[in-house]
Amino acid sequence: LAALDATVHLASGDGERRVALLDFHRLPGDHPEIDTALRPGELITAIELASSPAAANSAYRKVRDRSSYAFALVSVAAGLEIAAGKIKDVRIALGGVAAKPWRATRAEESLRGQAPTRERFLAAADAELAGAKTYEGNAFKVELAKRTIAAVLGELSGDDA
């Protein structure tokens, strides 16, 4: 949903409102007990997806450490639109790497207008994760995320070597 620019529709006795999915989940900050933008008494009534040709060619991959429904070590949702051998639009979101879904806008920007190759996918992932802050025990996620981004985009483009 983060990769596809979803909007969350909310309703309460005070009325209705809409929140972009990327703004719906909150970072811990001063109030780690508040995970979302939901206000007391609000309900989610709908999730709206913007129309996008990239959504028509999309995939999701969840990497976990055992064969179960375990929390993702890394997940990648991506959509890819290719026209005339170039990337016209690309959407990438990561899960399992931050306190909320992470939209990979640096990677997206570096890929638009480029030929879809594994090397470019890896370079875009490098650009996105260059400033990643890791802790003891989770540094492996950076390389895992890079490889998963490249694998998902490779699958979507047909260059999954």
N, C-alpha and C. Protein backbone atom coordinates (compact mmCIF):
# COMPACT_ATOMS: atom_id res chain seq x y z
N LEU A 1 0.82 -1.20 0.00
CA LEU A 1 0.00 0.00 0.00
C LEU A 1 0.86 1.26 0.00
N ALA A 2 1.99 1.23 0.71
CA ALA A 2 2.89 2.39 0.72
C ALA A 2 3.47 2.63 -0.66
N ALA A 3 3.79 1.56 -1.37
CA ALA A 3 4.37 1.70 -2.70
C ALA A 3 3.37 2.25 -3.70
N LEU A 4 2.09 2.04 -3.44
CA LEU A 4 1.06 2.43 -4.40
C LEU A 4 0.29 3.69 -4.00
N ASP A 5 0.89 4.49 -3.12
CA ASP A 5 0.30 5.78 -2.72
C ASP A 5 -1.12 5.65 -2.18
N ALA A 6 -1.34 4.67 -1.31
CA ALA A 6 -2.66 4.45 -0.73
C ALA A 6 -3.06 5.61 0.19
N THR A 7 -4.36 5.82 0.28
CA THR A 7 -4.94 6.79 1.20
C THR A 7 -5.87 6.05 2.14
N VAL A 8 -5.77 6.35 3.43
CA VAL A 8 -6.62 5.72 4.44
C VAL A 8 -7.79 6.65 4.72
N HIS A 9 -9.01 6.12 4.61
CA HIS A 9 -10.22 6.88 4.91
C HIS A 9 -10.61 6.58 6.36
N LEU A 10 -10.83 7.63 7.13
CA LEU A 10 -11.17 7.50 8.54
C LEU A 10 -12.49 8.20 8.83
N ALA A 11 -13.23 7.65 9.79
CA ALA A 11 -14.50 8.26 10.17
C ALA A 11 -14.68 8.19 11.68
N SER A 12 -15.35 9.20 12.22
CA SER A 12 -15.70 9.25 13.64
C SER A 12 -16.97 10.08 13.77
N GLY A 13 -17.41 10.26 15.00
CA GLY A 13 -18.57 11.11 15.25
C GLY A 13 -18.33 12.56 14.85
N ASP A 14 -17.06 12.93 14.73
CA ASP A 14 -16.71 14.30 14.34
C ASP A 14 -16.63 14.50 12.83
N GLY A 15 -16.75 13.42 12.07
CA GLY A 15 -16.70 13.54 10.62
C GLY A 15 -15.73 12.56 10.00
N GLU A 16 -15.36 12.84 8.78
CA GLU A 16 -14.48 11.97 8.02
C GLU A 16 -13.21 12.74 7.64
N ARG A 17 -12.15 11.97 7.45
CA ARG A 17 -10.90 12.55 6.94
C ARG A 17 -10.11 11.49 6.20
N ARG A 18 -9.13 11.94 5.46
CA ARG A 18 -8.25 11.05 4.71
C ARG A 18 -6.80 11.34 5.09
N VAL A 19 -6.02 10.25 5.17
CA VAL A 19 -4.60 10.38 5.52
C VAL A 19 -3.80 9.52 4.55
N ALA A 20 -2.75 10.08 3.98
CA ALA A 20 -1.86 9.29 3.12
C ALA A 20 -1.27 8.16 3.96
N LEU A 21 -1.18 6.97 3.39
CA LEU A 21 -0.69 5.83 4.16
C LEU A 21 0.69 6.10 4.76
N LEU A 22 1.55 6.80 4.02
CA LEU A 22 2.89 7.09 4.55
C LEU A 22 2.85 8.00 5.77
N ASP A 23 1.75 8.73 5.95
CA ASP A 23 1.58 9.57 7.13
C ASP A 23 0.74 8.88 8.21
N PHE A 24 0.10 7.78 7.86
CA PHE A 24 -0.76 7.07 8.80
C PHE A 24 0.05 6.41 9.91
N HIS A 25 1.14 5.73 9.55
CA HIS A 25 2.01 5.11 10.55
C HIS A 25 2.97 6.16 11.08
N ARG A 26 3.20 6.15 12.38
CA ARG A 26 4.05 7.16 13.01
C ARG A 26 5.36 6.54 13.48
N LEU A 27 6.40 7.36 13.50
CA LEU A 27 7.65 6.95 14.12
C LEU A 27 7.51 7.11 15.63
N PRO A 28 8.24 6.36 16.42
CA PRO A 28 8.06 6.39 17.88
C PRO A 28 8.19 7.78 18.51
N GLY A 29 9.23 8.51 18.25
CA GLY A 29 9.39 9.85 18.80
C GLY A 29 9.14 9.93 20.29
N ASP A 30 8.45 11.00 20.70
CA ASP A 30 8.15 11.23 22.13
C ASP A 30 7.02 10.35 22.65
N HIS A 31 6.26 9.72 21.73
CA HIS A 31 5.12 8.90 22.13
C HIS A 31 5.17 7.54 21.43
N PRO A 32 6.05 6.65 21.86
CA PRO A 32 6.17 5.35 21.21
C PRO A 32 4.93 4.48 21.34
N GLU A 33 4.03 4.85 22.25
CA GLU A 33 2.80 4.08 22.42
C GLU A 33 1.75 4.40 21.34
N ILE A 34 2.00 5.44 20.56
CA ILE A 34 1.07 5.84 19.49
C ILE A 34 1.68 5.43 18.16
N ASP A 35 1.11 4.40 17.55
CA ASP A 35 1.65 3.83 16.31
C ASP A 35 1.09 4.47 15.05
N THR A 36 -0.12 5.02 15.13
CA THR A 36 -0.79 5.50 13.93
C THR A 36 -1.37 6.89 14.14
N ALA A 37 -1.92 7.45 13.08
CA ALA A 37 -2.56 8.75 13.13
C ALA A 37 -4.03 8.66 13.54
N LEU A 38 -4.49 7.46 13.89
CA LEU A 38 -5.88 7.30 14.35
C LEU A 38 -6.12 8.13 15.60
N ARG A 39 -7.23 8.84 15.61
CA ARG A 39 -7.63 9.61 16.78
C ARG A 39 -8.62 8.77 17.59
N PRO A 40 -8.77 9.06 18.87
CA PRO A 40 -9.75 8.30 19.66
C PRO A 40 -11.13 8.35 19.00
N GLY A 41 -11.76 7.18 18.89
CA GLY A 41 -13.09 7.09 18.31
C GLY A 41 -13.12 6.95 16.80
N GLU A 42 -11.97 6.99 16.13
CA GLU A 42 -11.96 6.86 14.68
C GLU A 42 -11.87 5.40 14.25
N LEU A 43 -12.44 5.14 13.10
CA LEU A 43 -12.36 3.83 12.46
C LEU A 43 -11.84 3.99 11.04
N ILE A 44 -11.12 2.99 10.58
CA ILE A 44 -10.73 2.95 9.18
C ILE A 44 -11.94 2.44 8.40
N THR A 45 -12.39 3.21 7.42
CA THR A 45 -13.57 2.82 6.65
C THR A 45 -13.21 2.36 5.24
N ALA A 46 -12.03 2.73 4.75
CA ALA A 46 -11.64 2.33 3.39
C ALA A 46 -10.16 2.60 3.20
N ILE A 47 -9.60 1.88 2.24
CA ILE A 47 -8.24 2.14 1.76
C ILE A 47 -8.38 2.41 0.27
N GLU A 48 -7.89 3.54 -0.18
CA GLU A 48 -8.01 3.94 -1.58
C GLU A 48 -6.64 3.88 -2.25
N LEU A 49 -6.58 3.26 -3.43
CA LEU A 49 -5.35 3.20 -4.20
C LEU A 49 -5.46 4.12 -5.40
N ALA A 50 -4.42 4.88 -5.65
CA ALA A 50 -4.37 5.72 -6.83
C ALA A 50 -4.18 4.83 -8.06
N SER A 51 -4.78 5.23 -9.16
CA SER A 51 -4.59 4.49 -10.41
C SER A 51 -3.16 4.66 -10.88
N SER A 52 -2.52 3.55 -11.23
CA SER A 52 -1.12 3.63 -11.63
C SER A 52 -0.77 2.46 -12.54
N PRO A 53 -0.18 2.73 -13.71
CA PRO A 53 0.28 1.63 -14.56
C PRO A 53 1.34 0.77 -13.86
N ALA A 54 2.11 1.35 -12.94
CA ALA A 54 3.11 0.58 -12.21
C ALA A 54 2.45 -0.46 -11.31
N ALA A 55 1.23 -0.18 -10.84
CA ALA A 55 0.53 -1.13 -9.99
C ALA A 55 0.13 -2.39 -10.75
N ALA A 56 -0.08 -2.25 -12.05
CA ALA A 56 -0.47 -3.41 -12.86
C ALA A 56 0.67 -4.42 -12.98
N ASN A 57 1.89 -3.98 -12.79
CA ASN A 57 3.07 -4.85 -12.85
C ASN A 57 3.78 -4.71 -11.50
N SER A 58 3.23 -5.39 -10.50
CA SER A 58 3.75 -5.22 -9.14
C SER A 58 3.96 -6.57 -8.47
N ALA A 59 4.76 -6.55 -7.41
CA ALA A 59 5.06 -7.78 -6.67
C ALA A 59 5.41 -7.42 -5.24
N TYR A 60 5.28 -8.42 -4.37
CA TYR A 60 5.63 -8.27 -2.96
C TYR A 60 6.44 -9.50 -2.56
N ARG A 61 7.53 -9.27 -1.87
CA ARG A 61 8.35 -10.38 -1.37
C ARG A 61 8.66 -10.15 0.10
N LYS A 62 8.41 -11.20 0.89
CA LYS A 62 8.68 -11.16 2.33
C LYS A 62 9.80 -12.15 2.61
N VAL A 63 10.88 -11.67 3.21
CA VAL A 63 12.01 -12.52 3.59
C VAL A 63 11.95 -12.69 5.09
N ARG A 64 11.88 -13.94 5.53
CA ARG A 64 11.81 -14.23 6.96
C ARG A 64 12.79 -15.34 7.29
N ASP A 65 13.07 -15.51 8.57
CA ASP A 65 14.11 -16.45 8.96
C ASP A 65 13.63 -17.88 9.14
N ARG A 66 12.34 -18.11 9.00
CA ARG A 66 11.85 -19.49 9.07
C ARG A 66 10.56 -19.58 8.26
N SER A 67 10.17 -20.78 7.92
CA SER A 67 8.98 -20.99 7.12
C SER A 67 7.74 -20.91 8.01
N SER A 68 7.26 -19.69 8.21
CA SER A 68 6.08 -19.47 9.04
C SER A 68 5.52 -18.10 8.68
N TYR A 69 4.62 -17.63 9.50
CA TYR A 69 4.08 -16.29 9.30
C TYR A 69 4.85 -15.27 10.13
N ALA A 70 6.12 -15.54 10.39
CA ALA A 70 6.94 -14.68 11.22
C ALA A 70 7.04 -13.28 10.62
N PHE A 71 7.34 -12.31 11.48
CA PHE A 71 7.56 -10.93 11.06
C PHE A 71 8.68 -10.91 10.03
N ALA A 72 8.55 -10.10 9.02
CA ALA A 72 9.55 -10.03 7.96
C ALA A 72 10.87 -9.47 8.48
N LEU A 73 11.96 -10.12 8.11
CA LEU A 73 13.27 -9.50 8.30
C LEU A 73 13.37 -8.30 7.38
N VAL A 74 12.94 -8.50 6.14
CA VAL A 74 12.87 -7.46 5.12
C VAL A 74 11.70 -7.83 4.21
N SER A 75 10.93 -6.85 3.79
CA SER A 75 9.95 -7.09 2.73
C SER A 75 10.06 -5.95 1.74
N VAL A 76 9.75 -6.28 0.49
CA VAL A 76 9.80 -5.30 -0.58
C VAL A 76 8.52 -5.40 -1.40
N ALA A 77 7.84 -4.27 -1.55
CA ALA A 77 6.71 -4.15 -2.46
C ALA A 77 7.15 -3.20 -3.56
N ALA A 78 6.93 -3.59 -4.80
CA ALA A 78 7.38 -2.74 -5.90
C ALA A 78 6.42 -2.83 -7.07
N GLY A 79 6.35 -1.75 -7.82
CA GLY A 79 5.62 -1.69 -9.07
C GLY A 79 6.53 -1.07 -10.11
N LEU A 80 6.43 -1.55 -11.34
CA LEU A 80 7.36 -1.09 -12.38
C LEU A 80 6.62 -0.91 -13.69
N GLU A 81 6.79 0.26 -14.29
CA GLU A 81 6.25 0.54 -15.62
C GLU A 81 7.43 0.83 -16.54
N ILE A 82 7.52 0.05 -17.60
CA ILE A 82 8.59 0.19 -18.58
C ILE A 82 7.98 0.56 -19.92
N ALA A 83 8.54 1.56 -20.58
CA ALA A 83 8.09 1.98 -21.91
C ALA A 83 9.32 2.26 -22.76
N ALA A 84 9.34 1.72 -23.95
CA ALA A 84 10.45 1.92 -24.89
C ALA A 84 11.80 1.57 -24.28
N GLY A 85 11.82 0.49 -23.48
CA GLY A 85 13.07 0.02 -22.90
C GLY A 85 13.61 0.83 -21.74
N LYS A 86 12.81 1.78 -21.24
CA LYS A 86 13.24 2.63 -20.11
C LYS A 86 12.19 2.56 -19.00
N ILE A 87 12.64 2.79 -17.79
CA ILE A 87 11.73 2.80 -16.64
C ILE A 87 10.97 4.13 -16.65
N LYS A 88 9.67 4.03 -16.89
CA LYS A 88 8.83 5.22 -16.89
C LYS A 88 8.39 5.56 -15.47
N ASP A 89 7.99 4.54 -14.71
CA ASP A 89 7.61 4.76 -13.32
C ASP A 89 8.02 3.55 -12.50
N VAL A 90 8.38 3.79 -11.26
CA VAL A 90 8.76 2.72 -10.34
C VAL A 90 8.31 3.14 -8.95
N ARG A 91 7.80 2.17 -8.22
CA ARG A 91 7.37 2.40 -6.85
C ARG A 91 8.01 1.31 -6.00
N ILE A 92 8.65 1.69 -4.90
CA ILE A 92 9.31 0.72 -4.03
C ILE A 92 9.02 1.11 -2.57
N ALA A 93 8.61 0.12 -1.80
CA ALA A 93 8.42 0.32 -0.36
C ALA A 93 9.05 -0.86 0.38
N LEU A 94 9.64 -0.56 1.52
CA LEU A 94 10.29 -1.59 2.33
C LEU A 94 9.54 -1.77 3.64
N GLY A 95 9.52 -3.01 4.11
CA GLY A 95 8.97 -3.32 5.42
C GLY A 95 10.01 -4.08 6.21
N GLY A 96 9.87 -4.09 7.51
CA GLY A 96 10.78 -4.81 8.38
C GLY A 96 12.11 -4.12 8.62
N VAL A 97 12.28 -2.90 8.10
CA VAL A 97 13.55 -2.20 8.23
C VAL A 97 13.44 -0.91 9.03
N ALA A 98 12.22 -0.53 9.38
CA ALA A 98 12.00 0.70 10.14
C ALA A 98 10.73 0.52 10.96
N ALA A 99 10.41 1.50 11.75
CA ALA A 99 9.22 1.42 12.61
C ALA A 99 7.93 1.56 11.81
N LYS A 100 8.02 1.93 10.56
CA LYS A 100 6.85 2.09 9.70
C LYS A 100 7.26 1.74 8.26
N PRO A 101 6.30 1.54 7.37
CA PRO A 101 6.67 1.27 5.97
C PRO A 101 7.57 2.38 5.45
N TRP A 102 8.59 1.97 4.68
CA TRP A 102 9.59 2.91 4.19
C TRP A 102 9.49 3.03 2.68
N ARG A 103 9.15 4.20 2.17
CA ARG A 103 9.09 4.44 0.73
C ARG A 103 10.49 4.77 0.26
N ALA A 104 10.97 4.03 -0.73
CA ALA A 104 12.35 4.16 -1.22
C ALA A 104 12.41 5.20 -2.34
N THR A 105 12.19 6.46 -2.00
CA THR A 105 12.11 7.52 -3.00
C THR A 105 13.45 7.81 -3.69
N ARG A 106 14.57 7.69 -2.96
CA ARG A 106 15.87 7.89 -3.61
C ARG A 106 16.10 6.85 -4.70
N ALA A 107 15.78 5.61 -4.38
CA ALA A 107 15.94 4.54 -5.37
C ALA A 107 15.02 4.78 -6.56
N GLU A 108 13.79 5.16 -6.29
CA GLU A 108 12.84 5.42 -7.38
C GLU A 108 13.35 6.51 -8.31
N GLU A 109 13.79 7.62 -7.73
CA GLU A 109 14.27 8.75 -8.53
C GLU A 109 15.46 8.36 -9.39
N SER A 110 16.36 7.55 -8.83
CA SER A 110 17.56 7.18 -9.59
C SER A 110 17.25 6.22 -10.73
N LEU A 111 16.11 5.55 -10.69
CA LEU A 111 15.78 4.57 -11.73
C LEU A 111 14.94 5.13 -12.87
N ARG A 112 14.15 6.16 -12.62
CA ARG A 112 13.29 6.71 -13.67
C ARG A 112 14.12 7.17 -14.86
N GLY A 113 13.70 6.73 -16.05
CA GLY A 113 14.39 7.11 -17.28
C GLY A 113 15.56 6.21 -17.64
N GLN A 114 15.87 5.25 -16.78
CA GLN A 114 17.01 4.35 -17.01
C GLN A 114 16.55 3.02 -17.60
N ALA A 115 17.47 2.31 -18.21
CA ALA A 115 17.20 0.96 -18.68
C ALA A 115 17.10 0.04 -17.46
N PRO A 116 16.18 -0.91 -17.46
CA PRO A 116 16.01 -1.80 -16.31
C PRO A 116 17.02 -2.94 -16.30
N THR A 117 18.11 -2.76 -15.55
CA THR A 117 19.13 -3.81 -15.46
C THR A 117 19.40 -4.12 -13.99
N ARG A 118 19.90 -5.30 -13.73
CA ARG A 118 20.22 -5.70 -12.35
C ARG A 118 21.25 -4.75 -11.74
N GLU A 119 22.22 -4.33 -12.53
CA GLU A 119 23.25 -3.41 -12.02
C GLU A 119 22.62 -2.10 -11.56
N ARG A 120 21.67 -1.57 -12.35
CA ARG A 120 21.00 -0.32 -11.97
C ARG A 120 20.12 -0.53 -10.74
N PHE A 121 19.48 -1.69 -10.65
CA PHE A 121 18.65 -1.97 -9.49
C PHE A 121 19.49 -2.01 -8.22
N LEU A 122 20.66 -2.66 -8.30
CA LEU A 122 21.56 -2.72 -7.14
C LEU A 122 22.10 -1.33 -6.79
N ALA A 123 22.44 -0.54 -7.81
CA ALA A 123 22.94 0.82 -7.56
C ALA A 123 21.86 1.68 -6.91
N ALA A 124 20.61 1.53 -7.35
CA ALA A 124 19.51 2.29 -6.76
C ALA A 124 19.30 1.89 -5.31
N ALA A 125 19.39 0.60 -5.03
CA ALA A 125 19.26 0.12 -3.65
C ALA A 125 20.40 0.64 -2.80
N ASP A 126 21.62 0.67 -3.34
CA ASP A 126 22.76 1.24 -2.63
C ASP A 126 22.50 2.70 -2.28
N ALA A 127 21.99 3.46 -3.25
CA ALA A 127 21.71 4.88 -3.02
C ALA A 127 20.66 5.06 -1.92
N GLU A 128 19.63 4.22 -1.95
CA GLU A 128 18.56 4.32 -0.95
C GLU A 128 19.07 4.02 0.45
N LEU A 129 19.91 3.02 0.57
CA LEU A 129 20.31 2.53 1.90
C LEU A 129 21.67 3.04 2.36
N ALA A 130 22.25 3.97 1.62
CA ALA A 130 23.58 4.49 1.96
C ALA A 130 23.62 5.08 3.37
N GLY A 131 22.57 5.72 3.80
CA GLY A 131 22.57 6.36 5.11
C GLY A 131 21.87 5.54 6.18
N ALA A 132 21.64 4.26 5.92
CA ALA A 132 20.93 3.43 6.89
C ALA A 132 21.69 3.36 8.20
N LYS A 133 20.96 3.53 9.29
CA LYS A 133 21.55 3.42 10.62
C LYS A 133 21.23 2.03 11.15
N THR A 134 22.27 1.30 11.49
CA THR A 134 22.07 -0.07 11.97
C THR A 134 22.50 -0.18 13.43
N TYR A 135 22.10 -1.28 14.01
CA TYR A 135 22.46 -1.59 15.39
C TYR A 135 23.06 -2.99 15.41
N GLU A 136 23.70 -3.33 16.51
CA GLU A 136 24.24 -4.68 16.65
C GLU A 136 23.10 -5.68 16.46
N GLY A 137 23.32 -6.63 15.59
CA GLY A 137 22.32 -7.66 15.36
C GLY A 137 21.40 -7.41 14.19
N ASN A 138 21.38 -6.19 13.60
CA ASN A 138 20.51 -5.99 12.45
C ASN A 138 21.23 -5.41 11.23
N ALA A 139 22.53 -5.26 11.28
CA ALA A 139 23.28 -4.68 10.15
C ALA A 139 23.13 -5.52 8.89
N PHE A 140 22.89 -6.82 9.04
CA PHE A 140 22.71 -7.70 7.89
C PHE A 140 21.51 -7.30 7.04
N LYS A 141 20.56 -6.57 7.62
CA LYS A 141 19.36 -6.20 6.90
C LYS A 141 19.63 -5.26 5.73
N VAL A 142 20.69 -4.47 5.80
CA VAL A 142 21.00 -3.55 4.71
C VAL A 142 21.30 -4.34 3.44
N GLU A 143 22.20 -5.29 3.52
CA GLU A 143 22.52 -6.10 2.33
C GLU A 143 21.32 -6.94 1.90
N LEU A 144 20.59 -7.47 2.85
CA LEU A 144 19.41 -8.26 2.53
C LEU A 144 18.38 -7.41 1.80
N ALA A 145 18.17 -6.19 2.25
CA ALA A 145 17.23 -5.28 1.59
C ALA A 145 17.70 -4.94 0.17
N LYS A 146 18.98 -4.66 0.00
CA LYS A 146 19.51 -4.35 -1.34
C LYS A 146 19.25 -5.50 -2.31
N ARG A 147 19.59 -6.69 -1.88
CA ARG A 147 19.42 -7.86 -2.76
C ARG A 147 17.94 -8.14 -3.03
N THR A 148 17.09 -7.91 -2.05
CA THR A 148 15.66 -8.16 -2.24
C THR A 148 15.05 -7.13 -3.18
N ILE A 149 15.45 -5.87 -3.04
CA ILE A 149 14.99 -4.83 -3.98
C ILE A 149 15.38 -5.23 -5.41
N ALA A 150 16.64 -5.58 -5.61
CA ALA A 150 17.11 -5.95 -6.95
C ALA A 150 16.37 -7.18 -7.47
N ALA A 151 16.12 -8.15 -6.61
CA ALA A 151 15.44 -9.37 -7.04
C ALA A 151 14.00 -9.08 -7.46
N VAL A 152 13.28 -8.29 -6.68
CA VAL A 152 11.89 -7.99 -7.01
C VAL A 152 11.81 -7.17 -8.29
N LEU A 153 12.64 -6.15 -8.43
CA LEU A 153 12.63 -5.35 -9.65
C LEU A 153 13.08 -6.18 -10.85
N GLY A 154 14.03 -7.08 -10.64
CA GLY A 154 14.46 -7.97 -11.71
C GLY A 154 13.33 -8.88 -12.16
N GLU A 155 12.58 -9.39 -11.22
CA GLU A 155 11.42 -10.23 -11.56
C GLU A 155 10.41 -9.45 -12.38
N LEU A 156 10.13 -8.21 -11.97
CA LEU A 156 9.15 -7.40 -12.68
C LEU A 156 9.60 -6.98 -14.07
N SER A 157 10.91 -6.80 -14.24
CA SER A 157 11.43 -6.33 -15.53
C SER A 157 11.80 -7.48 -16.47
N GLY A 158 11.88 -8.69 -15.92
CA GLY A 158 12.32 -9.83 -16.73
C GLY A 158 13.82 -9.99 -16.72
N ASP A 159 14.54 -9.12 -15.98
CA ASP A 159 16.01 -9.22 -15.85
C ASP A 159 16.32 -9.73 -14.46
N ASP A 160 15.91 -10.97 -14.20
CA ASP A 160 16.10 -11.54 -12.85
C ASP A 160 17.26 -12.51 -12.79
N ALA A 161 18.34 -12.13 -13.47
CA ALA A 161 19.54 -12.98 -13.48
C ALA A 161 20.21 -13.01 -12.13
